[in-house]
Protein backbone atom coordinates (compact mmCIF):
# COMPACT_ATOMS: atom_id res chain seq x y z
CA MET A 1 0.00 0.00 0.00
CA ARG A 2 1.10 3.56 -0.68
CA PRO A 3 1.05 6.09 2.16
CA ALA A 4 -2.09 8.20 2.23
CA ALA A 5 -2.17 11.94 2.76
CA ARG A 6 -3.15 13.17 6.17
CA THR A 7 -6.55 14.89 6.49
CA GLY A 8 -8.18 17.00 9.14
CA GLY A 9 -10.41 14.09 10.25
CA SER A 10 -7.48 11.78 11.10
CA SER A 11 -7.44 10.31 14.60
CA GLN A 12 -3.76 9.27 14.63
CA PRO A 13 -1.03 10.93 16.67
CA SER A 14 1.41 13.29 15.01
CA GLY A 15 4.47 11.58 16.58
CA PRO A 16 5.58 8.05 17.59
CA ARG A 17 3.37 6.28 20.10
CA ARG A 18 3.24 2.84 21.70
CA LEU A 19 0.15 0.70 22.09
CA LYS A 20 0.13 -1.60 25.09
CA PHE A 21 3.73 -0.51 25.71
CA ARG A 22 4.65 -2.89 22.93
CA TYR A 23 3.69 -1.78 19.42
CA GLU A 24 5.44 1.41 18.38
CA LEU A 25 3.72 3.26 15.48
CA GLN A 26 6.15 4.44 12.80
CA THR A 27 4.61 5.24 9.40
CA GLN A 28 1.01 5.70 8.38
CA LEU A 29 0.34 3.65 5.25
CA ALA A 30 -3.29 4.50 4.46
CA GLU A 31 -6.38 6.31 5.73
CA GLY A 32 -9.68 4.54 5.40
CA PRO A 33 -13.22 5.59 6.16
CA VAL A 34 -13.23 3.49 9.36
CA LEU A 35 -9.68 2.20 9.95
CA ASP A 36 -6.26 3.87 9.61
CA THR A 37 -3.35 1.58 8.71
CA TRP A 38 0.08 2.04 10.29
CA ARG A 39 3.40 0.25 10.03
CA ALA A 40 4.75 -0.51 13.51
CA VAL A 41 7.43 -2.47 15.32
CA ASP A 42 6.76 -5.16 17.92
CA LYS A 43 9.32 -4.23 20.61
CA VAL A 44 9.04 -7.64 22.24
CA HIS A 45 10.15 -9.59 19.18
CA GLU A 46 11.72 -6.65 17.31
CA SER A 47 9.70 -7.55 14.21
CA PRO A 48 7.59 -5.39 11.88
CA VAL A 49 3.81 -5.58 12.18
CA ILE A 50 0.73 -3.84 10.74
CA VAL A 51 -1.56 -1.94 13.15
CA LYS A 52 -5.07 -0.83 12.26
CA LEU A 53 -6.65 1.86 14.48
CA LEU A 54 -10.40 2.40 14.79
CA ARG A 55 -11.37 6.04 14.35
CA PRO A 56 -12.65 7.74 17.53
CA ARG A 57 -16.07 8.54 16.04
CA TYR A 58 -16.82 4.79 15.84
CA ALA A 59 -15.37 4.06 19.29
CA THR A 60 -18.08 6.06 21.07
CA ASP A 61 -20.26 2.95 21.15
CA GLU A 62 -17.97 1.00 23.46
CA ARG A 63 -20.11 -2.12 23.39
CA ALA A 64 -20.05 -2.37 19.58
CA ALA A 65 -16.31 -1.62 19.42
CA ARG A 66 -15.52 -4.26 22.05
CA ARG A 67 -17.59 -6.84 20.16
CA TRP A 68 -15.69 -5.90 16.99
CA THR A 69 -12.34 -6.71 18.64
CA GLN A 70 -13.65 -9.97 20.13
CA LEU A 71 -14.94 -11.29 16.79
CA LEU A 72 -11.69 -10.44 15.02
CA ALA A 73 -9.68 -12.16 17.78
CA LYS A 74 -11.35 -15.46 16.88
CA GLN A 75 -9.58 -15.39 13.48
CA ALA A 76 -6.20 -15.62 15.22
CA SER A 77 -7.09 -19.12 16.42
CA ALA A 78 -8.07 -20.38 12.93
CA PRO A 79 -5.66 -18.95 10.32
CA LEU A 80 -6.22 -19.79 6.65
CA PRO A 81 -3.52 -20.71 4.14
CA ALA A 82 -1.99 -17.78 2.23
CA SER A 83 -3.53 -15.46 4.80
CA VAL A 84 -1.82 -12.86 6.99
CA ALA A 85 -2.73 -13.82 10.55
CA ILE A 86 -4.15 -11.45 13.15
CA LEU A 87 -1.79 -11.33 16.15
CA GLU A 88 -3.82 -9.33 18.66
CA THR A 89 -6.88 -7.16 19.11
CA GLY A 90 -7.63 -4.91 22.04
CA ARG A 91 -7.93 -1.48 23.55
CA ASP A 92 -5.36 1.00 24.78
CA GLN A 93 -7.02 3.81 26.74
CA GLU A 94 -9.66 5.13 24.32
CA GLN A 95 -8.09 3.53 21.21
CA PHE A 96 -9.38 0.22 19.77
CA PHE A 97 -6.89 -1.59 17.51
CA LEU A 98 -5.89 -4.82 15.82
CA VAL A 99 -2.40 -6.08 15.00
CA ARG A 100 -1.60 -8.47 12.16
CA ASP A 101 1.59 -9.97 10.86
CA TYR A 102 3.64 -8.02 8.35
CA ALA A 103 3.79 -9.55 4.84
CA ALA A 104 6.91 -8.47 2.96
CA GLY A 105 6.55 -7.77 -0.73
CA PRO A 106 4.71 -5.42 -3.08
CA THR A 107 0.95 -5.29 -3.19
CA LEU A 108 -0.90 -6.20 -6.36
CA GLU A 109 -1.92 -2.53 -6.60
CA ARG A 110 1.73 -1.45 -6.87
CA TRP A 111 2.56 -4.36 -9.19
CA MET A 112 -0.19 -3.17 -11.58
CA GLU A 113 1.31 0.30 -11.87
CA ARG A 114 3.71 -0.88 -14.57
CA PRO A 115 2.70 -2.60 -17.82
CA ARG A 116 3.32 -6.35 -17.79
CA SER A 117 3.49 -8.96 -20.51
CA VAL A 118 0.47 -11.13 -21.15
CA ASP A 119 2.33 -14.16 -19.85
CA ASP A 120 3.20 -12.43 -16.55
CA VAL A 121 -0.38 -11.26 -16.09
CA LEU A 122 -1.76 -14.74 -16.76
CA ALA A 123 0.78 -16.29 -14.37
CA CYS A 124 -0.25 -13.85 -11.62
CA GLY A 125 -3.94 -14.54 -12.28
CA ILE A 126 -3.41 -18.30 -12.10
CA ALA A 127 -1.57 -17.97 -8.76
CA LEU A 128 -4.39 -15.84 -7.31
CA LEU A 129 -7.10 -18.24 -8.49
CA ASP A 130 -5.24 -21.27 -7.12
CA ALA A 131 -4.91 -19.57 -3.72
CA VAL A 132 -8.59 -18.66 -3.44
CA ALA A 133 -9.59 -22.12 -4.75
CA GLU A 134 -7.82 -23.62 -1.72
CA TRP A 135 -9.87 -21.29 0.52
CA HIS A 136 -13.08 -22.31 -1.23
CA GLU A 137 -12.33 -26.01 -0.69
CA LEU A 138 -12.07 -25.31 3.04
CA GLY A 139 -15.48 -23.57 2.97
CA HIS A 140 -14.25 -20.00 3.26
CA CYS A 141 -14.21 -16.99 0.96
CA HIS A 142 -12.60 -13.58 1.28
CA GLY A 143 -15.39 -11.48 -0.29
CA GLN A 144 -13.41 -8.21 -0.15
CA LEU A 145 -10.47 -8.86 -2.49
CA HIS A 146 -8.90 -5.88 -4.22
CA PRO A 147 -5.32 -5.06 -5.34
CA GLY A 148 -4.65 -3.21 -2.06
CA ASN A 149 -5.03 -6.25 0.23
CA ILE A 150 -3.14 -8.80 -1.93
CA VAL A 151 0.61 -9.09 -1.26
CA LEU A 152 2.77 -10.80 -3.91
CA GLN A 153 5.64 -12.92 -2.57
CA GLU A 154 7.99 -15.39 -4.21
CA GLN A 155 6.19 -18.38 -2.73
CA GLY A 156 2.78 -17.00 -3.85
CA PRO A 157 0.15 -14.38 -3.04
CA TRP A 158 -0.96 -13.59 0.50
CA PHE A 159 -4.39 -12.19 1.35
CA CYS A 160 -4.87 -9.53 4.03
CA ASP A 161 -7.81 -8.07 5.93
CA TRP A 162 -9.84 -11.24 5.80
CA ASP A 163 -13.36 -10.58 7.14
CA ILE A 164 -12.42 -7.17 8.61
CA THR A 165 -14.97 -5.41 6.41
CA ALA A 166 -17.67 -7.93 7.30
CA GLN A 167 -17.13 -7.59 11.03
CA THR A 168 -17.03 -3.78 10.76
CA LEU A 169 -20.35 -3.80 8.93
CA ASN A 170 -21.95 -6.25 11.39
CA CYS A 171 -20.72 -4.57 14.58
CA LEU A 172 -20.45 -0.88 13.69
CA GLY A 173 -22.96 -0.64 10.83
CA VAL A 174 -20.56 1.10 8.42
CA TRP A 175 -18.92 0.12 5.14
CA ALA A 176 -15.14 -0.01 5.56
CA ALA A 177 -14.06 -0.37 1.94
CA ARG A 178 -12.48 2.66 0.30
CA ARG A 179 -14.21 4.17 -2.73
CA LYS A 180 -11.41 3.42 -5.21
CA HIS A 181 -11.49 -0.30 -4.27
CA GLN A 182 -15.26 -0.74 -4.60
CA VAL A 183 -15.00 -1.32 -8.37
CA TYR A 184 -13.27 -4.65 -7.59
CA LEU A 185 -16.09 -5.87 -5.35
CA ALA A 186 -18.72 -8.14 -6.86
CA PRO A 187 -22.20 -6.62 -7.43
CA GLU A 188 -23.78 -8.79 -4.72
CA VAL A 189 -21.17 -7.58 -2.21
CA ARG A 190 -21.66 -3.91 -3.06
CA GLU A 191 -25.43 -4.15 -2.94
CA SER A 192 -26.15 -6.47 0.02
CA TYR A 193 -22.80 -7.86 1.25
CA ASN A 194 -23.78 -11.35 0.24
CA ALA A 195 -20.25 -12.75 -0.27
CA SER A 196 -19.67 -16.12 -1.92
CA PRO A 197 -16.74 -17.93 -3.65
CA GLY A 198 -17.88 -16.35 -6.89
CA SER A 199 -17.24 -12.90 -5.35
CA ASP A 200 -13.49 -13.67 -5.13
CA VAL A 201 -13.46 -14.83 -8.77
CA TYR A 202 -15.14 -11.55 -9.84
CA SER A 203 -12.55 -9.44 -7.95
CA ILE A 204 -9.62 -11.27 -9.58
CA GLY A 205 -11.33 -10.99 -12.98
CA VAL A 206 -11.56 -7.18 -12.70
CA ALA A 207 -7.85 -6.94 -11.80
CA LEU A 208 -6.91 -9.17 -14.79
CA TRP A 209 -9.12 -7.15 -17.18
CA GLU A 210 -7.51 -3.87 -16.12
CA GLN A 211 -3.96 -5.22 -16.33
CA LEU A 212 -4.52 -6.79 -19.77
CA THR A 213 -6.30 -3.79 -21.34
CA GLY A 214 -4.33 -1.05 -19.59
CA ARG A 215 -7.57 0.70 -18.63
CA ARG A 216 -9.57 1.20 -15.47
CA LEU A 217 -13.04 -0.26 -15.22
CA ALA A 218 -15.76 2.16 -14.16
CA PRO A 219 -18.24 0.95 -11.51
CA GLU A 220 -21.56 -0.48 -12.66
CA THR A 221 -20.37 -0.89 -16.28
CA VAL A 222 -20.24 -3.99 -18.46
CA PRO A 223 -16.61 -4.60 -19.46
CA GLU A 224 -15.79 -4.91 -23.15
CA ALA A 225 -14.00 -7.88 -24.61
CA PRO A 226 -10.22 -7.41 -24.05
CA SER A 227 -9.40 -8.37 -27.67
CA ARG A 228 -11.43 -5.35 -28.92
CA LEU A 229 -9.31 -2.98 -26.85
CA LYS A 230 -5.98 -4.72 -27.47
CA ALA A 231 -5.69 -6.76 -30.65
CA ALA A 232 -2.57 -8.68 -29.52
CA LEU A 233 -4.48 -10.57 -26.80
CA PRO A 234 -5.56 -14.17 -27.40
CA ALA A 235 -9.21 -14.45 -28.38
CA GLY A 236 -9.78 -17.11 -25.71
CA LEU A 237 -9.26 -14.53 -22.97
CA ASP A 238 -12.60 -12.94 -23.91
CA VAL A 239 -14.44 -16.13 -23.01
CA VAL A 240 -12.60 -16.72 -19.73
CA LEU A 241 -12.94 -13.13 -18.48
CA GLU A 242 -16.58 -13.01 -19.52
CA GLY A 243 -17.21 -16.11 -17.42
CA MET A 244 -15.38 -14.60 -14.43
CA LEU A 245 -17.26 -11.27 -14.64
CA LYS A 246 -20.84 -12.56 -14.87
CA ARG A 247 -23.24 -10.47 -12.79
CA ASP A 248 -24.95 -13.53 -11.32
CA PRO A 249 -22.49 -15.32 -8.98
CA HIS A 250 -23.98 -18.72 -9.88
CA ASP A 251 -23.05 -18.19 -13.56
CA ARG A 252 -19.35 -17.47 -12.88
CA TYR A 253 -16.51 -19.93 -13.39
CA PRO A 254 -15.26 -21.60 -10.20
CA ALA A 255 -11.77 -20.49 -9.21
CA ALA A 256 -10.11 -23.82 -10.08
CA GLN A 257 -11.81 -23.98 -13.52
CA ALA A 258 -10.80 -20.40 -14.32
CA ALA A 259 -7.18 -21.15 -13.31
CA ASP A 260 -7.08 -24.20 -15.65
CA ALA A 261 -8.50 -22.13 -18.54
CA LEU A 262 -5.86 -19.44 -18.07
CA ALA A 263 -3.12 -22.05 -17.87
CA LYS A 264 -4.16 -23.42 -21.26
CA LEU A 265 -4.02 -19.91 -22.77
CA ARG A 266 -0.44 -19.22 -21.61
CA PRO A 267 1.29 -21.13 -24.46
CA GLN A 268 -0.95 -19.36 -26.98
CA ALA A 269 0.01 -15.99 -25.48
CA GLU A 270 3.74 -16.89 -25.70
CA SER A 271 3.40 -17.92 -29.39
CA GLU A 272 1.55 -14.74 -30.27
CA ARG A 273 4.20 -12.82 -28.44
CA GLY A 274 6.82 -14.14 -30.89
CA GLY A 275 5.04 -13.00 -34.07
CA SER A 276 6.45 -11.28 -37.11
CA PRO A 277 9.14 -8.59 -36.69
CA ARG A 278 6.66 -5.96 -37.77
CA GLU A 279 4.15 -7.05 -35.14
CA ARG A 280 6.88 -7.16 -32.48
CA ARG A 281 7.88 -3.58 -33.34
CA ARG A 282 4.27 -2.47 -33.04
CA GLN A 283 3.94 -4.26 -29.74
CA ARG A 284 7.10 -2.57 -28.42
CA VAL A 285 5.67 0.83 -29.44
CA ARG A 286 2.39 0.04 -27.66
CA ASP A 287 4.23 -1.13 -24.57
CA ARG A 288 6.40 1.99 -24.60
CA ARG A 289 3.32 4.20 -24.72
CA GLU A 290 1.86 2.42 -21.74
CA VAL A 291 5.01 2.84 -19.63
CA PRO A 292 4.57 5.81 -17.31
CA LEU A 293 7.12 8.59 -17.83
CA LYS A 294 9.67 9.30 -15.15
CA PRO A 295 9.01 12.48 -13.21
CA LEU A 296 11.12 15.48 -14.16
CA PRO A 297 13.46 17.13 -11.64
CA TRP A 298 11.64 19.56 -9.41
CA PRO A 299 13.41 22.74 -10.69
CA ILE A 300 12.34 21.94 -14.24
CA THR A 301 8.84 21.11 -13.03
CA VAL A 302 8.60 24.43 -11.17
CA LEU A 303 9.88 26.29 -14.23
CA LEU A 304 7.37 24.62 -16.55
CA VAL A 305 4.53 25.27 -14.12
CA GLY A 306 5.59 28.93 -13.91
CA TYR A 307 5.67 29.27 -17.69
CA ARG A 308 2.28 27.60 -17.95
CA PHE A 309 0.81 29.90 -15.30
CA LEU A 310 2.29 32.95 -17.06
CA PHE A 311 0.88 31.83 -20.41
CA ILE A 312 -2.55 31.24 -18.89
CA LEU A 313 -2.42 34.65 -17.19
CA LEU A 314 -1.43 36.47 -20.41
CA PHE A 315 -3.97 34.55 -22.47
CA THR A 316 -6.71 35.29 -19.93
CA ALA A 317 -5.75 38.98 -19.85
CA ALA A 318 -5.80 39.17 -23.67
CA VAL A 319 -9.15 37.41 -23.91
CA SER A 320 -10.61 39.53 -21.09
CA GLY A 321 -9.32 42.77 -22.66
CA THR A 322 -10.69 41.85 -26.07
CA THR A 323 -14.03 40.86 -24.56
CA LEU A 324 -14.29 44.09 -22.57
CA ALA A 325 -13.36 46.15 -25.64
CA VAL A 326 -15.98 44.41 -27.77
CA LEU A 327 -18.59 44.80 -25.03
CA GLY A 328 -17.68 48.48 -24.58
CA VAL A 329 -17.97 49.24 -28.30
CA GLY A 330 -21.24 47.33 -28.47
CA ALA A 331 -22.63 49.13 -25.42
CA TYR A 332 -21.57 52.50 -26.85
CA ARG A 333 -23.27 51.76 -30.17
CA VAL A 334 -26.39 50.57 -28.40
CA LEU A 335 -26.49 53.73 -26.29
CA VAL A 336 -25.92 55.96 -29.31
CA ASP A 337 -28.55 54.14 -31.33
CA SER A 338 -30.99 54.29 -28.42
CA ILE A 339 -30.85 58.12 -28.17
CA PRO A 340 -33.99 59.41 -29.91
CA ALA A 341 -33.62 61.78 -32.85
CA GLU A 342 -34.63 65.43 -32.52
CA VAL A 343 -37.96 66.52 -33.99
CA ILE A 344 -39.29 70.08 -34.57
CA VAL A 345 -42.78 70.58 -33.15
CA PRO A 346 -45.04 71.69 -36.02
CA ASP A 347 -47.67 74.41 -35.78
CA VAL A 348 -51.07 72.71 -35.53
CA THR A 349 -53.10 75.71 -34.36
CA GLY A 350 -56.60 75.49 -35.83
CA LYS A 351 -56.26 71.82 -36.88
CA LYS A 352 -58.67 69.12 -35.77
CA VAL A 353 -57.58 66.95 -32.84
CA ASP A 354 -57.53 63.72 -34.90
CA ASP A 355 -55.44 65.34 -37.63
CA ALA A 356 -52.96 66.69 -35.09
CA ARG A 357 -52.74 63.30 -33.33
CA GLY A 358 -52.01 61.54 -36.62
CA LEU A 359 -49.29 64.05 -37.47
CA PHE A 360 -47.55 63.77 -34.07
CA VAL A 361 -47.89 60.02 -33.49
CA ASP A 362 -47.73 58.46 -36.96
CA SER A 363 -45.43 60.86 -38.80
CA LEU A 364 -43.12 62.34 -36.14
CA GLY A 365 -43.05 59.58 -33.49
CA LEU A 366 -44.22 61.90 -30.72
CA GLY A 367 -46.83 61.34 -28.05
CA PHE A 368 -50.01 63.41 -28.03
CA THR A 369 -52.47 64.18 -25.25
CA VAL A 370 -55.19 66.77 -24.62
CA THR A 371 -54.64 68.45 -21.25
CA LEU A 372 -57.17 71.32 -21.29
CA ARG A 373 -60.28 72.45 -23.12
CA GLN A 374 -61.09 76.18 -23.06
CA ALA A 375 -63.14 78.73 -24.95
CA SER A 376 -61.53 80.65 -27.79
CA PRO A 377 -63.15 83.39 -29.85
CA THR A 378 -60.83 82.80 -32.81
CA VAL A 379 -60.42 79.00 -32.96
CA PRO A 380 -63.37 76.76 -33.89
CA GLU A 381 -64.64 74.13 -31.50
CA GLY A 382 -62.64 70.86 -31.50
CA CYS A 383 -59.50 72.48 -32.94
CA ILE A 384 -56.09 73.06 -31.38
CA VAL A 385 -55.58 76.40 -29.60
CA SER A 386 -51.91 75.87 -28.58
CA THR A 387 -49.39 73.15 -27.72
CA ARG A 388 -46.74 72.63 -25.10
CA PRO A 389 -43.86 72.62 -26.11
CA GLU A 390 -44.67 75.45 -28.47
CA ALA A 391 -44.47 75.17 -32.26
CA GLY A 392 -40.91 75.42 -33.59
CA ARG A 393 -39.24 73.87 -30.50
CA LYS A 394 -36.86 70.89 -30.91
CA VAL A 395 -37.73 67.83 -28.83
CA ARG A 396 -36.59 64.19 -28.71
CA ALA A 397 -38.65 61.56 -30.50
CA GLY A 398 -41.06 59.92 -28.07
CA ARG A 399 -41.76 63.12 -26.11
CA THR A 400 -45.44 63.72 -25.34
CA VAL A 401 -46.88 66.97 -26.64
CA GLU A 402 -49.70 68.51 -24.55
CA ALA A 403 -52.48 70.31 -26.42
CA ILE A 404 -55.19 72.81 -25.45
CA VAL A 405 -58.40 72.31 -27.44
CA SER A 406 -60.98 75.00 -28.15
CA THR A 407 -64.54 74.62 -26.95
CA GLY A 408 -65.64 77.38 -29.31
CA ALA A 409 -66.38 81.01 -28.61
CA GLU A 410 -67.10 81.90 -25.00
CA LEU A 411 -70.82 82.00 -24.25
CA VAL A 412 -72.05 84.99 -22.31
CA THR A 413 -75.47 85.26 -20.66
CA VAL A 414 -77.21 88.40 -21.88
CA PRO A 415 -78.27 90.49 -18.83
CA ARG A 416 -81.53 92.38 -18.42
CA LEU A 417 -80.99 95.88 -19.87
CA THR A 418 -84.55 97.21 -19.93
CA ASP A 419 -85.46 100.06 -17.59
CA GLN A 420 -81.77 101.10 -17.59
CA SER A 421 -80.35 104.25 -19.03
CA LEU A 422 -78.53 103.91 -22.32
CA GLY A 423 -75.20 104.76 -20.65
CA ASP A 424 -75.60 102.05 -18.00
CA ALA A 425 -76.58 99.52 -20.66
CA GLU A 426 -73.52 100.36 -22.77
CA ARG A 427 -71.20 99.95 -19.80
CA THR A 428 -72.76 96.56 -18.91
CA ILE A 429 -72.47 95.34 -22.48
CA GLU A 430 -68.80 96.38 -22.71
CA ARG A 431 -67.98 94.80 -19.36
CA LEU A 432 -69.36 91.41 -20.52
CA GLY A 433 -67.28 91.42 -23.68
CA LEU A 434 -70.27 92.19 -25.93
CA ARG A 435 -70.81 95.14 -28.23
CA LEU A 436 -73.69 97.50 -28.86
CA GLY A 437 -75.36 96.92 -32.22
CA PHE A 438 -77.78 99.78 -32.79
CA ALA A 439 -79.93 101.89 -30.45
CA GLN A 440 -83.28 102.77 -32.06
CA LYS A 441 -85.29 105.61 -30.49
CA VAL A 442 -88.98 104.85 -30.00
CA ALA A 443 -91.68 107.05 -28.38
CA ASP A 444 -92.89 105.58 -25.11
CA ASP A 445 -95.21 106.91 -22.43
CA ALA A 446 -93.90 104.62 -19.64
CA LEU A 447 -90.19 105.45 -19.61
CA PRO A 448 -88.48 108.79 -19.81
CA PRO A 449 -86.26 109.57 -22.74
CA GLY A 450 -82.86 107.76 -22.85
CA TYR A 451 -84.00 104.54 -21.12
CA VAL A 452 -84.03 101.08 -22.71
CA ILE A 453 -87.47 99.84 -23.70
CA LYS A 454 -86.53 96.54 -25.40
CA GLN A 455 -83.37 94.48 -26.16
CA ASP A 456 -82.40 91.83 -28.72
CA PRO A 457 -81.29 89.16 -27.80
CA GLY A 458 -83.49 89.11 -24.74
CA PRO A 459 -82.26 88.68 -21.16
CA GLY A 460 -81.06 85.18 -20.22
CA ARG A 461 -79.99 84.22 -23.75
CA LYS A 462 -76.43 82.83 -24.22
CA VAL A 463 -74.48 84.38 -27.03
CA ALA A 464 -70.87 84.27 -28.17
CA SER A 465 -68.42 86.78 -26.78
CA GLY A 466 -68.32 89.88 -28.98
CA SER A 467 -71.90 89.46 -30.22
CA ALA A 468 -73.95 92.60 -30.91
CA ILE A 469 -76.83 93.62 -28.63
CA ASN A 470 -79.54 95.74 -30.28
CA LEU A 471 -81.57 98.13 -28.14
CA LYS A 472 -84.73 100.21 -28.42
CA VAL A 473 -84.49 103.44 -26.41
CA SER A 474 -87.38 105.67 -25.26
CA SER A 475 -87.61 109.12 -26.82
CA GLY A 476 -90.40 110.21 -24.41
CA PRO A 477 -94.19 110.61 -24.91
CA PRO A 478 -95.29 111.29 -28.47
CA SER A 479 -96.68 114.83 -27.66
CA ALA A 480 -94.21 115.80 -24.98
CA THR A 481 -91.56 118.29 -25.72
CA PRO A 482 -88.15 116.86 -25.05
CA ALA A 483 -86.46 118.44 -22.17
CA GLU A 484 -83.50 120.57 -22.84
CA PRO A 485 -80.20 119.06 -22.02
CA GLY A 486 -79.22 119.63 -18.47
CA LYS A 487 -82.80 120.27 -17.25
CA ALA A 488 -85.00 117.81 -15.41
CA ALA A 489 -88.33 116.79 -16.77
CA VAL A 490 -91.28 118.68 -15.22
CA THR A 491 -94.44 116.91 -14.24
CA GLU A 492 -97.83 118.32 -13.74
CA PRO A 493 -98.84 119.17 -10.22
CA GLY A 494 -100.59 116.34 -8.45
CA LYS A 495 -99.14 113.60 -10.70
CA ALA A 496 -96.52 110.96 -9.64
CA ALA A 497 -93.21 110.65 -11.36
CA PRO A 498 -92.97 108.05 -14.15
CA PRO A 499 -92.16 104.55 -12.98
CA GLY A 500 -88.81 104.68 -14.79
CA ASP A 501 -87.69 107.86 -13.14
CA ALA A 502 -83.88 107.91 -12.84
CA ALA A 503 -83.88 109.29 -9.29
CA ALA A 504 -86.17 106.51 -8.09
CA LYS A 505 -84.00 103.91 -9.81
CA ALA A 506 -80.80 105.27 -8.32
CA ALA A 507 -82.29 105.29 -4.80
CA VAL A 508 -82.78 101.49 -4.89
CA LYS A 509 -79.74 99.12 -4.49
CA VAL A 510 -80.45 95.44 -5.17
CA LYS A 511 -78.23 92.70 -3.57
CA LYS A 512 -77.91 89.45 -5.54
CA VAL A 513 -76.53 86.09 -4.32
CA GLY A 514 -75.53 83.00 -6.37
CA ARG A 515 -73.43 79.84 -6.36
CA VAL A 516 -70.56 78.85 -8.60
CA ARG A 517 -69.59 75.14 -9.00
CA ILE A 518 -66.29 74.25 -10.72
CA THR A 519 -64.66 70.84 -11.33
CA VAL A 520 -60.90 71.17 -11.84
CA PRO A 521 -59.72 69.42 -15.09
CA SER A 522 -57.70 66.17 -14.87
CA SER A 523 -54.64 67.80 -16.42
CA PRO A 524 -52.44 69.57 -15.49
CA ARG A 525 -51.89 68.27 -11.97
CA LEU A 526 -52.26 71.72 -10.33
CA THR A 527 -54.63 74.47 -11.52
CA TRP A 528 -55.01 78.04 -10.23
CA VAL A 529 -58.76 78.73 -9.75
CA LYS A 530 -59.90 82.35 -9.57
CA ILE A 531 -63.49 83.74 -9.28
CA VAL A 532 -64.07 87.48 -9.96
CA VAL A 533 -67.35 89.37 -9.21
CA ARG A 534 -68.13 92.64 -11.07
CA ASP A 535 -71.10 94.77 -9.82
CA ASP A 536 -72.11 98.38 -9.34
CA GLU A 537 -69.52 98.77 -6.60
CA GLY A 538 -66.66 97.63 -8.82
CA GLU A 539 -64.58 94.43 -9.18
CA LYS A 540 -63.61 92.03 -6.36
CA VAL A 541 -61.97 88.57 -6.13
CA ALA A 542 -64.29 86.08 -4.42
CA TYR A 543 -61.97 82.98 -4.69
CA ASN A 544 -58.29 82.58 -5.53
CA GLU A 545 -56.61 79.19 -4.68
CA LEU A 546 -54.43 76.45 -6.18
CA LYS A 547 -56.32 73.14 -6.56
CA TYR A 548 -55.38 69.58 -7.60
CA ALA A 549 -56.78 67.82 -10.67
CA GLY A 550 -60.27 66.41 -10.07
CA ASP A 551 -61.09 68.68 -7.10
CA SER A 552 -64.51 70.37 -6.91
CA VAL A 553 -65.05 74.01 -5.88
CA LEU A 554 -68.45 75.23 -4.64
CA LYS A 555 -68.47 78.95 -3.83
CA THR A 556 -71.30 81.31 -2.84
CA VAL A 557 -70.86 84.79 -4.40
CA GLU A 558 -72.85 88.04 -4.03
CA GLY A 559 -72.97 91.50 -5.61
CA VAL A 560 -74.92 94.77 -5.59
CA GLY A 561 -76.81 96.20 -8.54
CA GLN A 562 -79.05 95.19 -11.38
CA ASN A 563 -76.25 93.38 -13.25
CA VAL A 564 -73.82 91.26 -11.20
CA VAL A 565 -71.31 89.44 -13.45
CA VAL A 566 -69.30 86.43 -12.21
CA GLU A 567 -66.18 85.31 -14.18
CA VAL A 568 -64.23 82.04 -13.63
CA TYR A 569 -60.50 81.80 -14.55
CA LEU A 570 -58.37 78.63 -14.75
CA ASN A 571 -54.62 79.32 -14.85
CA GLY A 572 -55.35 82.88 -15.96
CA THR A 573 -57.72 81.91 -18.78
CA ARG A 574 -61.40 82.90 -18.52
CA VAL A 575 -63.50 79.78 -18.99
CA GLU A 576 -66.96 80.89 -17.82
CA THR A 577 -69.01 84.11 -17.43
CA LYS A 578 -72.27 84.18 -15.49
CA VAL A 579 -74.78 86.96 -14.70
CA LEU A 580 -76.66 86.74 -11.41
């Protein structure tokens, strides 16, 4: 066995130690999942021995560990031929151990490291099969054979670790075989530990197959015929190895029969070995390829590793730099291509909403939304009044343009002008954004001269801002002489003044009250709402606040006089005029 590397889970001491004041540990040969193998010296007889130490994690169950040592001690009283005997089992403080005799010679595992001739491999296989056949005749089988526990000596092979794995599984409930050796175990042993004589034949068959083909057999795979992998092998080996590697143990060759079959193939292998010169040259080339190369001196190895590392570093840096450069150029092009182009906002004042939307969205790639609808005396209803951004501005493609749409000319409620003087009526008309059409003088007995008798349109009618209001004005009674300018009209004694007398009208002040309800538009988000009242006393602001979109404003307003005008402004634009 080759020494195994130390791991953090090892339970062995770092320096020399004696067990039972007798066995001095020297060199650790292997680390297993359950047992660690050491080479030691028996100080009583001054002879080398092999010591196997149970790991502390499995020694916690003292009853199971003690039973493990007792069962293994029984093997010392009944040694088998070609078997390394167990000398002692026991416990030293907290350490359970077993000691077996030391078998000098290389293990089969080390012997297989170098390529061998077919004749040498067959001779080794015959010796192994003869040894296990003797065990089988005595009613025993190893069940755990692998190249690591077979020692090759001049007088023949010796088998180690007989039944250690079985006792470990029975007492401690763990599988003691190392992973790299499990490929040599028969399927029935790996699956249920049901060992039989056929299990030993299978283990030897795997070792022969690997040594003849120069390959390693993977677990749970069906091995190919050796002659397909190596043409120089005798064809009869395919039949023998196939019989040794059957999955069912009852279908495998017995050990003695397999040894006889291999013995008959040895002369054939020797004759094929002495073939034509051309074939011998080819065989020497194949053998040379299979010989492992000698390791280089460590300075050369370090130098080669350094050059390899430097090459990998430079290659990685070059590939990384190229990749980053390509990604950078690609990202730059993507960013440049993703920047929208600039578009000049066209002038769509007076165009229909659908026409403007088609121009912005379909032709220019801009967004379009209507944010406000307001009255306009110059733009027809349903047409664009203005846009934001304004016409002529440069914007990026994809920008949303906000539009204000006309609701038509502003509608004004015509006030009641009758019984008012012509001057008062003209001032009221001008204040409402209307204009005086014509003032026709008509004789009237009820109203004094200069007062309005009739109006067209009549009071309460809604007309567009700037519309003309036509009036009929009293010129006095038909037979009365018009009073001179600057003189008051004279009435006959005992008669009351006319009902439309200016002094009587001026003495009466009428107070009017009304309500204004406004719903703030959904866009923009904030709107400045202002309510202005104009009456005989002048102009005053009844409401002036900033409101959010969707808010409602309900305000009670009042004024003095015959004509009280209420105007509503949104963001400085008059949207409604109302006469109380």
